[in-house]
C-alpha cells in the first residue's frame, strides 16, 4: 500500500495509534541523514521510498512510499 508522508510522520502516526506497543528509534543512514524507524511488539518497521536518502530534507518532507518490515522474515 502506498502512502504519502516521511519516516518521522509515519513513525509518529504509528505511536499515536498504539502508544504502549510502539517505540520510535532514530539512526543515521548511509548518506548521514537522520532516519526514523519504529518497533511494534518487537518487530521493526520503516517508511521506505526509493532514492530518499540522496534527496534534501525539504524534498523528503512528503513522498510517496510504503511501510516495510526491517530485517529478516518472521
Protein backbone atom coordinates (compact mmCIF):
# COMPACT_ATOMS: atom_id res chain seq x y z
CA UNK A 1 0.00 0.00 0.00
CA UNK A 2 1.40 3.39 -0.98
CA UNK A 3 1.29 6.29 1.50
CA UNK A 4 2.22 9.96 1.38
CA UNK A 5 4.48 11.04 4.23
CA UNK A 6 8.00 10.72 5.52
CA UNK A 7 9.71 8.48 8.06
CA UNK A 8 9.05 10.82 11.01
CA UNK A 9 5.38 11.46 10.21
CA UNK A 10 4.60 7.76 9.73
CA UNK A 11 6.51 6.75 12.88
CA UNK A 12 4.58 9.35 14.92
CA UNK A 13 1.29 8.10 13.43
CA UNK A 14 2.17 4.55 14.49
CA UNK A 15 2.92 5.84 18.01
CA UNK A 16 -0.44 7.64 18.16
CA UNK A 17 -2.30 4.52 17.05
CA UNK A 18 -0.64 2.17 19.58
CA UNK A 19 1.27 4.29 22.14
CA UNK A 20 2.18 1.47 24.52
CA UNK A 21 3.20 -1.03 21.83
CA UNK A 22 5.32 1.26 19.60
CA UNK A 23 8.82 2.58 20.27
CA UNK A 24 10.40 5.10 17.86
CA UNK A 25 14.11 4.93 17.09
CA UNK A 26 16.35 7.23 15.08
CA UNK A 27 19.53 6.39 13.22
CA UNK A 28 21.82 7.77 10.55
CA UNK A 29 21.55 6.24 7.10
CA UNK A 30 24.45 5.72 4.69
CA UNK A 31 24.20 9.30 3.45
CA UNK A 32 24.47 10.60 7.05
CA UNK A 33 20.83 11.68 7.25
CA UNK A 34 18.57 11.09 10.23
CA UNK A 35 16.08 8.27 9.60
CA UNK A 36 13.24 7.23 11.91
CA UNK A 37 12.03 3.67 12.40
CA UNK A 38 9.61 2.16 14.88
CA UNK A 39 9.19 -1.14 16.65
CA UNK A 40 5.75 -2.58 17.26
CA UNK A 41 5.74 -5.60 19.56
CA UNK A 42 9.47 -6.05 18.92
CA UNK A 43 9.18 -6.07 15.11
CA UNK A 44 10.98 -3.15 13.38
CA UNK A 45 9.28 -1.18 10.58
CA UNK A 46 10.25 1.80 8.43
CA UNK A 47 8.75 4.11 5.85
CA UNK A 48 10.66 3.50 2.61
CA UNK A 49 10.76 5.40 -0.64
CA UNK A 50 13.46 4.77 -3.27
CA UNK A 51 16.10 7.49 -3.55
CA UNK A 52 15.03 9.41 -0.45
CA UNK A 53 18.43 9.12 1.25
CA UNK A 54 20.01 11.12 -1.58
CA UNK A 55 17.37 13.88 -1.60
CA UNK A 56 17.36 17.01 0.53
CA UNK A 57 15.32 17.19 3.73
CA UNK A 58 12.91 19.60 2.01
CA UNK A 59 12.31 17.18 -0.87
CA UNK A 60 11.73 14.40 1.66
CA UNK A 61 9.05 16.34 3.54
CA UNK A 62 6.26 14.48 1.71
CA UNK A 63 6.99 11.49 -0.51
CA UNK A 64 5.00 8.55 -1.80
CA UNK A 65 6.36 5.41 -0.18
CA UNK A 66 5.45 2.28 1.69
CA UNK A 67 5.81 0.75 5.13
CA UNK A 68 8.06 -2.26 5.22
CA UNK A 69 9.36 -4.63 7.86
CA UNK A 70 13.09 -4.29 8.51
CA UNK A 71 15.35 -7.32 8.79
CA UNK A 72 14.61 -10.98 8.23
CA UNK A 73 11.22 -12.57 7.90
CA UNK A 74 9.28 -13.77 10.94
